[in-house]
Amino acid sequence: MIWLSGLACGALVAIAPGIATVAAGLLAPGAVALRLDREPGRPVARTVLTCGLAGCVHPVMMLWNTGQSFDTAIAIVSDPAIVGIAWSAAAAGWLLTQLAPLAVRAVLEATALTRSTRLRAARSRIGEIWGLDQAANDR
């Protein structure tokens, strides 16, 4: 699989060097995430790359509309605003992978606490109606 990925990258560089240059420059955080993520399925790297790709759509469209020259690709990659937007999108993806589990856990704990409180109140009402608390005290 690694060999096929390398072959695909080489073909992209040979066929469309401008797009390959823009992709390499703007998706650098995704490449770092791929290298560092060791979890099965690489969830962090996938999220960083997905968000980074979203930040690359407009620059690639600009390159496509201006003729796909290598000089235009270098101008796009050297523009700090474009690189900042693409890398910020990748950073937002990384932040999402770090904060989403915490938010989900907080929601699940709040839901469990609410349900536990509701069940205790229902048990207390049923005990009063059936006289279970009084029977327990009589023994």
Protein backbone atom coordinates (compact mmCIF):
# COMPACT_ATOMS: atom_id res chain seq x y z
CA MET A 1 0.00 0.00 0.00
CA ILE A 2 2.85 2.38 0.76
CA TRP A 3 4.38 1.59 -2.61
CA LEU A 4 1.11 2.39 -4.39
CA SER A 5 0.79 5.65 -2.47
CA GLY A 6 4.28 6.65 -3.53
CA LEU A 7 3.50 5.73 -7.11
CA ALA A 8 0.33 7.85 -7.04
CA CYS A 9 2.22 10.82 -5.59
CA GLY A 10 4.91 10.49 -8.23
CA ALA A 11 2.30 10.39 -10.98
CA LEU A 12 0.62 13.50 -9.56
CA VAL A 13 3.94 15.36 -9.48
CA ALA A 14 4.69 14.35 -13.07
CA ILE A 15 1.24 15.16 -14.46
CA ALA A 16 0.28 18.23 -12.40
CA PRO A 17 3.29 19.71 -10.59
CA GLY A 18 1.41 22.90 -9.68
CA ILE A 19 -1.38 21.07 -7.88
CA ALA A 20 1.16 18.78 -6.21
CA THR A 21 3.11 21.81 -4.96
CA VAL A 22 -0.01 23.49 -3.58
CA ALA A 23 -1.18 20.25 -1.98
CA ALA A 24 2.23 19.57 -0.42
CA GLY A 25 2.50 23.08 0.99
CA LEU A 26 -0.99 23.38 2.33
CA LEU A 27 -1.38 19.82 3.61
CA ALA A 28 1.92 19.72 5.51
CA PRO A 29 0.16 19.58 8.92
CA GLY A 30 -1.80 16.58 7.67
CA ALA A 31 1.42 14.85 6.66
CA VAL A 32 2.83 15.48 10.13
CA ALA A 33 -0.36 14.12 11.70
CA LEU A 34 -0.13 11.00 9.51
CA ARG A 35 3.42 10.45 10.67
CA LEU A 36 2.64 10.94 14.38
CA ASP A 37 -0.75 9.22 14.69
CA ARG A 38 -0.26 5.60 15.79
CA GLU A 39 -3.85 4.71 16.70
CA PRO A 40 -5.67 2.11 14.60
CA GLY A 41 -7.51 3.85 11.78
CA ARG A 42 -5.54 7.06 12.44
CA PRO A 43 -8.53 9.15 13.54
CA VAL A 44 -6.55 12.29 14.33
CA ALA A 45 -4.71 12.24 11.01
CA ARG A 46 -7.94 11.64 9.09
CA THR A 47 -9.63 14.59 10.78
CA VAL A 48 -6.65 16.90 10.31
CA LEU A 49 -6.39 15.92 6.64
CA THR A 50 -10.13 16.33 6.06
CA CYS A 51 -10.19 19.80 7.58
CA GLY A 52 -6.95 20.68 5.79
CA LEU A 53 -8.47 19.58 2.49
CA ALA A 54 -11.40 21.89 3.16
CA GLY A 55 -8.90 24.74 3.52
CA CYS A 56 -7.24 23.78 0.23
CA VAL A 57 -10.32 23.89 -2.00
CA HIS A 58 -10.17 27.61 -2.79
CA PRO A 59 -6.40 27.76 -3.47
CA VAL A 60 -6.61 24.74 -5.79
CA MET A 61 -9.54 26.34 -7.61
CA MET A 62 -7.49 29.55 -7.97
CA LEU A 63 -4.61 27.54 -9.41
CA TRP A 64 -6.91 25.65 -11.75
CA ASN A 65 -8.52 28.86 -13.05
CA THR A 66 -5.20 30.61 -13.64
CA GLY A 67 -3.69 27.92 -15.82
CA GLN A 68 -1.98 25.59 -13.32
CA SER A 69 1.48 27.03 -13.81
CA PHE A 70 4.26 26.22 -11.39
CA ASP A 71 4.92 29.93 -10.76
CA THR A 72 1.31 30.46 -9.72
CA ALA A 73 1.54 27.44 -7.41
CA ILE A 74 4.63 28.90 -5.74
CA ALA A 75 2.85 32.27 -5.39
CA ILE A 76 -0.13 30.56 -3.76
CA VAL A 77 2.00 28.53 -1.35
CA SER A 78 4.09 31.56 -0.42
CA ASP A 79 1.03 33.70 0.42
CA PRO A 80 0.83 33.79 4.24
CA ALA A 81 -2.94 34.36 4.24
CA ILE A 82 -3.65 31.27 2.15
CA VAL A 83 -1.24 29.09 4.12
CA GLY A 84 -2.63 30.48 7.37
CA ILE A 85 -6.19 29.60 6.41
CA ALA A 86 -5.30 26.07 5.30
CA TRP A 87 -3.13 25.37 8.33
CA SER A 88 -5.75 26.90 10.66
CA ALA A 89 -8.33 24.54 9.19
CA ALA A 90 -5.99 21.63 9.91
CA ALA A 91 -5.44 22.95 13.44
CA ALA A 92 -9.20 23.18 13.91
CA GLY A 93 -9.43 19.51 12.91
CA TRP A 94 -6.80 18.60 15.48
CA LEU A 95 -8.57 20.67 18.15
CA LEU A 96 -11.83 18.94 17.27
CA THR A 97 -10.25 15.54 17.90
CA GLN A 98 -9.02 16.71 21.28
CA LEU A 99 -12.17 18.48 22.50
CA ALA A 100 -14.94 16.31 21.05
CA PRO A 101 -14.31 13.34 23.39
CA LEU A 102 -14.36 15.69 26.40
CA ALA A 103 -17.63 17.28 25.28
CA VAL A 104 -19.24 13.90 24.63
CA ARG A 105 -18.13 12.64 28.04
CA ALA A 106 -19.54 15.72 29.77
CA VAL A 107 -22.88 15.31 28.01
CA LEU A 108 -23.05 11.60 28.82
CA GLU A 109 -22.22 12.23 32.49
CA ALA A 110 -24.85 14.98 32.74
CA THR A 111 -27.41 12.68 31.13
CA ALA A 112 -26.56 9.85 33.51
CA LEU A 113 -26.76 12.16 36.52
CA THR A 114 -30.15 13.47 35.41
CA ARG A 115 -31.48 9.97 34.85
CA SER A 116 -30.14 8.78 38.21
CA THR A 117 -31.83 11.67 39.99
CA ARG A 118 -35.11 11.00 38.18
CA LEU A 119 -34.98 7.26 39.03
CA ARG A 120 -34.26 7.96 42.71
CA ALA A 121 -37.24 10.31 42.85
CA ALA A 122 -39.47 7.69 41.19
CA ARG A 123 -38.26 5.01 43.63
CA SER A 124 -38.98 7.31 46.54
CA ARG A 125 -42.53 8.03 45.27
CA ILE A 126 -43.22 4.31 44.73
CA GLY A 127 -41.90 3.52 48.20
CA GLU A 128 -44.22 6.10 49.74
CA ILE A 129 -47.24 4.88 47.77
CA TRP A 130 -46.70 1.22 48.64
CA GLY A 131 -45.61 1.94 52.18
CA LEU A 132 -42.23 0.27 51.72
CA ASP A 133 -40.37 2.82 53.81
CA GLN A 134 -42.80 2.31 56.69
CA ALA A 135 -42.56 -1.49 56.42
CA ALA A 136 -38.77 -1.30 56.49
CA ASN A 137 -38.91 0.87 59.62
CA ASP A 138 -41.39 -1.50 61.37
CA ARG A 139 -39.02 -4.46 61.21
